[in-house]
C-alpha atoms as a PDB file:
ATOM      1  CA  MET A   1       7.375   7.596   7.371  1.00  0.00           C
ATOM      2  CA  ILE A   2       6.940   7.819   3.397  1.00  0.00           C
ATOM      3  CA  TYR A   3       6.684   4.458   3.801  1.00  0.00           C
ATOM      4  CA  LEU A   4       4.050   4.046   6.751  1.00  0.00           C
ATOM      5  CA  TRP A   5       1.950   7.030   5.194  1.00  0.00           C
ATOM      6  CA  VAL A   6       1.270   5.653   1.832  1.00  0.00           C
ATOM      7  CA  LYS A   7       0.553   2.608   3.849  1.00  0.00           C
ATOM      8  CA  THR A   8      -2.214   4.146   5.279  1.00  0.00           C
ATOM      9  CA  LEU A   9      -2.998   5.585   2.046  1.00  0.00           C
ATOM     10  CA  HIS A  10      -3.256   3.360   0.929  1.00  0.00           C
ATOM     11  CA  ILE A  11      -5.384   1.198   3.605  1.00  0.00           C
ATOM     12  CA  LEU A  12      -8.125   4.218   3.410  1.00  0.00           C
ATOM     13  CA  ALA A  13      -7.905   3.683   0.028  1.00  0.00           C
ATOM     14  CA  VAL A  14      -9.088  -0.248  -0.362  1.00  0.00           C
ATOM     15  CA  ILE A  15     -11.741   0.090   2.391  1.00  0.00           C
ATOM     16  CA  SER A  16     -13.634   3.430   0.176  1.00  0.00           C
ATOM     17  CA  TRP A  17     -13.307   1.500  -2.923  1.00  0.00           C
ATOM     18  CA  MET A  18     -14.931  -2.271  -1.005  1.00  0.00           C
ATOM     19  CA  ALA A  19     -17.520   0.375   0.485  1.00  0.00           C
ATOM     20  CA  GLY A  20     -18.280   1.016  -3.176  1.00  0.00           C
ATOM     21  CA  LEU A  21     -17.677  -2.505  -4.608  1.00  0.00           C
ATOM     22  CA  LEU A  22     -19.958  -3.359  -1.322  1.00  0.00           C
ATOM     23  CA  TYR A  23     -23.310  -1.243  -2.234  1.00  0.00           C
ATOM     24  CA  LEU A  24     -23.685  -0.783  -5.887  1.00  0.00           C
ATOM     25  CA  PRO A  25     -24.964  -4.213  -6.023  1.00  0.00           C
ATOM     26  CA  ARG A  26     -26.620  -3.555  -3.319  1.00  0.00           C
ATOM     27  CA  LEU A  27     -28.277  -0.400  -5.173  1.00  0.00           C
ATOM     28  CA  PHE A  28     -29.058  -2.051  -8.582  1.00  0.00           C
ATOM     29  CA  VAL A  29     -30.956  -5.371  -5.725  1.00  0.00           C
ATOM     30  CA  TYR A  30     -33.478  -2.211  -5.501  1.00  0.00           C
ATOM     31  CA  HIS A  31     -32.347  -0.649  -8.441  1.00  0.00           C
ATOM     32  CA  ALA A  32     -34.726  -3.432 -10.491  1.00  0.00           C
ATOM     33  CA  GLY A  33     -37.707  -3.679  -8.429  1.00  0.00           C
ATOM     34  CA  VAL A  34     -39.210  -0.217  -9.869  1.00  0.00           C
ATOM     35  CA  LEU A  35     -39.798   0.449 -13.312  1.00  0.00           C
ATOM     36  CA  PRO A  36     -37.084   2.587 -15.828  1.00  0.00           C
ATOM     37  CA  GLN A  37     -37.494   5.852 -16.074  1.00  0.00           C
ATOM     38  CA  SER A  38     -39.389   6.451 -12.546  1.00  0.00           C
ATOM     39  CA  GLU A  39     -38.918   8.891  -9.854  1.00  0.00           C
ATOM     40  CA  PRO A  40     -37.230   5.966  -8.412  1.00  0.00           C
ATOM     41  CA  GLY A  41     -35.741   5.087 -10.567  1.00  0.00           C
ATOM     42  CA  LYS A  42     -34.540   8.110 -11.714  1.00  0.00           C
ATOM     43  CA  LEU A  43     -32.578   8.620  -8.125  1.00  0.00           C
ATOM     44  CA  PHE A  44     -30.913   5.713  -8.292  1.00  0.00           C
ATOM     45  CA  GLU A  45     -29.189   6.016 -11.588  1.00  0.00           C
ATOM     46  CA  VAL A  46     -28.232   9.766  -9.277  1.00  0.00           C
ATOM     47  CA  MET A  47     -26.636   7.300  -6.732  1.00  0.00           C
ATOM     48  CA  GLU A  48     -24.724   4.109  -8.589  1.00  0.00           C
ATOM     49  CA  PHE A  49     -23.343   7.387 -10.567  1.00  0.00           C
ATOM     50  CA  ARG A  50     -21.452   9.900  -8.339  1.00  0.00           C
ATOM     51  CA  LEU A  51     -21.146   6.415  -6.289  1.00  0.00           C
ATOM     52  CA  TYR A  52     -19.385   4.606  -8.861  1.00  0.00           C
ATOM     53  CA  ARG A  53     -17.599   7.909 -10.570  1.00  0.00           C
ATOM     54  CA  TYR A  54     -17.002   9.928  -7.270  1.00  0.00           C
ATOM     55  CA  ILE A  55     -15.664   7.368  -4.784  1.00  0.00           C
ATOM     56  CA  MET A  56     -14.654   4.100  -6.668  1.00  0.00           C
ATOM     57  CA  THR A  57     -13.449   5.455  -9.093  1.00  0.00           C
ATOM     58  CA  PRO A  58     -10.463   7.517  -6.876  1.00  0.00           C
ATOM     59  CA  ALA A  59     -10.350   5.160  -5.196  1.00  0.00           C
ATOM     60  CA  LEU A  60      -9.488   2.121  -7.670  1.00  0.00           C
ATOM     61  CA  VAL A  61      -7.002   4.232  -8.646  1.00  0.00           C
ATOM     62  CA  VAL A  62      -5.349   5.866  -5.621  1.00  0.00           C
ATOM     63  CA  ALA A  63      -5.613   1.891  -3.640  1.00  0.00           C
ATOM     64  CA  TRP A  64      -3.706   0.430  -7.550  1.00  0.00           C
ATOM     65  CA  LEU A  65      -1.117   3.441  -7.041  1.00  0.00           C
ATOM     66  CA  THR A  66      -0.173   2.595  -4.007  1.00  0.00           C
ATOM     67  CA  GLY A  67      -0.132  -0.533  -3.794  1.00  0.00           C
ATOM     68  CA  LEU A  68       2.023  -0.606  -7.225  1.00  0.00           C
ATOM     69  CA  TYR A  69       4.470   1.825  -4.756  1.00  0.00           C
ATOM     70  CA  LEU A  70       4.412  -0.497  -1.775  1.00  0.00           C
ATOM     71  CA  ALA A  71       5.197  -3.700  -4.246  1.00  0.00           C
ATOM     72  CA  THR A  72       7.834  -1.285  -5.957  1.00  0.00           C
ATOM     73  CA  ILE A  73       9.760  -0.923  -2.505  1.00  0.00           C
ATOM     74  CA  SER A  74       9.284  -3.835  -1.358  1.00  0.00           C
ATOM     75  CA  VAL A  75      10.591  -7.778  -2.412  1.00  0.00           C
ATOM     76  CA  PHE A  76       7.296  -8.589  -2.506  1.00  0.00           C
ATOM     77  CA  TRP A  77       7.327  -9.393  -5.723  1.00  0.00           C
ATOM     78  CA  ILE A  78       8.608 -13.017  -5.841  1.00  0.00           C
ATOM     79  CA  GLU A  79       6.767 -13.763  -3.593  1.00  0.00           C
ATOM     80  CA  PRO A  80       4.035 -16.809  -4.645  1.00  0.00           C
ATOM     81  CA  TRP A  81       1.625 -14.737  -2.001  1.00  0.00           C
ATOM     82  CA  PHE A  82       1.814 -11.640  -3.291  1.00  0.00           C
ATOM     83  CA  ILE A  83       1.632 -12.728  -7.377  1.00  0.00           C
ATOM     84  CA  SER A  84      -1.481 -14.816  -6.222  1.00  0.00           C
ATOM     85  CA  LYS A  85      -3.039 -11.440  -4.664  1.00  0.00           C
ATOM     86  CA  VAL A  86      -2.284  -9.433  -7.279  1.00  0.00           C
ATOM     87  CA  ILE A  87      -4.915 -11.496 -10.183  1.00  0.00           C
ATOM     88  CA  LEU A  88      -7.046 -11.190  -7.363  1.00  0.00           C
ATOM     89  CA  VAL A  89      -6.984  -7.545  -7.219  1.00  0.00           C
ATOM     90  CA  ILE A  90      -7.069  -7.235 -11.484  1.00  0.00           C
ATOM     91  CA  LEU A  91     -10.394 -10.057 -10.432  1.00  0.00           C
ATOM     92  CA  MET A  92     -12.182  -7.362  -8.315  1.00  0.00           C
ATOM     93  CA  SER A  93     -10.851  -4.382 -11.009  1.00  0.00           C
ATOM     94  CA  GLY A  94     -12.622  -6.686 -13.529  1.00  0.00           C
ATOM     95  CA  ALA A  95     -15.642  -6.157 -10.955  1.00  0.00           C
ATOM     96  CA  HIS A  96     -15.470  -2.688 -11.216  1.00  0.00           C
ATOM     97  CA  GLY A  97     -15.267  -2.663 -14.607  1.00  0.00           C
ATOM     98  CA  PHE A  98     -18.454  -4.272 -14.942  1.00  0.00           C
ATOM     99  CA  LEU A  99     -20.596  -2.962 -12.548  1.00  0.00           C
ATOM    100  CA  GLY A 100     -20.113  -0.205 -14.294  1.00  0.00           C
ATOM    101  CA  ARG A 101     -20.791  -1.276 -17.204  1.00  0.00           C
ATOM    102  CA  LEU A 102     -24.447  -2.304 -15.373  1.00  0.00           C
ATOM    103  CA  ARG A 103     -24.812   1.200 -13.950  1.00  0.00           C
ATOM    104  CA  LYS A 104     -24.454   2.073 -17.234  1.00  0.00           C
ATOM    105  CA  ASP A 105     -27.313   0.041 -19.035  1.00  0.00           C
ATOM    106  CA  PHE A 106     -30.199   0.942 -16.222  1.00  0.00           C
ATOM    107  CA  ALA A 107     -29.116   4.233 -16.934  1.00  0.00           C
ATOM    108  CA  ALA A 108     -30.320   3.456 -20.559  1.00  0.00           C
ATOM    109  CA  GLY A 109     -33.212   1.684 -19.349  1.00  0.00           C
ATOM    110  CA  ILE A 110     -31.516  -1.966 -20.569  1.00  0.00           C
ATOM    111  CA  ASN A 111     -30.821  -3.477 -17.031  1.00  0.00           C
ATOM    112  CA  LYS A 112     -32.162  -7.353 -18.289  1.00  0.00           C
ATOM    113  CA  ARG A 113     -31.191  -8.912 -14.770  1.00  0.00           C
ATOM    114  CA  SER A 114     -33.368  -9.683 -11.161  1.00  0.00           C
ATOM    115  CA  GLY A 115     -33.095  -8.454  -7.974  1.00  0.00           C
ATOM    116  CA  ARG A 116     -31.808 -12.209  -7.418  1.00  0.00           C
ATOM    117  CA  PHE A 117     -28.194 -11.840 -10.358  1.00  0.00           C
ATOM    118  CA  PHE A 118     -27.919  -8.175  -8.212  1.00  0.00           C
ATOM    119  CA  ARG A 119     -27.782 -10.725  -4.537  1.00  0.00           C
ATOM    120  CA  ILE A 120     -25.434 -12.735  -5.966  1.00  0.00           C
ATOM    121  CA  LEU A 121     -23.348 -10.686  -7.676  1.00  0.00           C
ATOM    122  CA  ASN A 122     -22.890  -9.227  -4.156  1.00  0.00           C
ATOM    123  CA  GLU A 123     -20.989 -12.161  -3.090  1.00  0.00           C
ATOM    124  CA  VAL A 124     -18.706 -11.519  -5.777  1.00  0.00           C
ATOM    125  CA  PRO A 125     -16.359  -8.816  -4.396  1.00  0.00           C
ATOM    126  CA  THR A 126     -16.725 -10.338  -1.184  1.00  0.00           C
ATOM    127  CA  VAL A 127     -14.995 -13.521  -1.702  1.00  0.00           C
ATOM    128  CA  LEU A 128     -12.639 -11.584  -3.401  1.00  0.00           C
ATOM    129  CA  MET A 129     -11.967  -9.786  -0.591  1.00  0.00           C
ATOM    130  CA  ILE A 130     -11.664 -12.449   1.953  1.00  0.00           C
ATOM    131  CA  LEU A 131      -8.976 -14.420  -0.077  1.00  0.00           C
ATOM    132  CA  ILE A 132      -7.057 -11.315  -0.533  1.00  0.00           C
ATOM    133  CA  VAL A 133      -6.934 -10.580   2.776  1.00  0.00           C
ATOM    134  CA  GLY A 134      -5.823 -13.408   4.086  1.00  0.00           C
ATOM    135  CA  LEU A 135      -3.069 -14.110   1.562  1.00  0.00           C
ATOM    136  CA  VAL A 136      -1.579 -10.931   2.819  1.00  0.00           C
ATOM    137  CA  ILE A 137      -2.223 -11.527   6.771  1.00  0.00           C
ATOM    138  CA  LEU A 138      -1.299 -15.145   5.828  1.00  0.00           C
ATOM    139  CA  LYS A 139       0.919 -15.114   2.969  1.00  0.00           C
ATOM    140  CA  PRO A 140       0.440 -18.964   2.645  1.00  0.00           C
ATOM    141  CA  PHE A 141       3.415 -20.560  -0.146  1.00  0.00           C
ATOM    142  CA  SER A 142       5.437 -18.464   1.377  1.00  0.00           C
END
């Protein structure tokens, strides 16, 4: 029974993490269009900070911890599809860190990127999510 509760928590954490990974670059699109230290710019900084610190990062931690637990009690570690999934989740975690760096640049008033850059960047978590879900459901290479 504990397995099902941990799996439920894992899915909820992944959903929360993905919501943030998809929403934060969208906030950056709008933030890139306002002047640094303007009233809208300050509001975006607060929204970005709270999203990253209080939703995305805890969700990442819970997703990783529950995922490692689930993987530990299963035999997936030797499956090629699972190894591929872990690599993609590591890339997703790297995207999380990169978004955190960009958030700090906005907060410091040193963003040099355009809204177009952030629109394109917004697709990276989407592509990774599609690949990860595909691997989990289809379990290719087995």
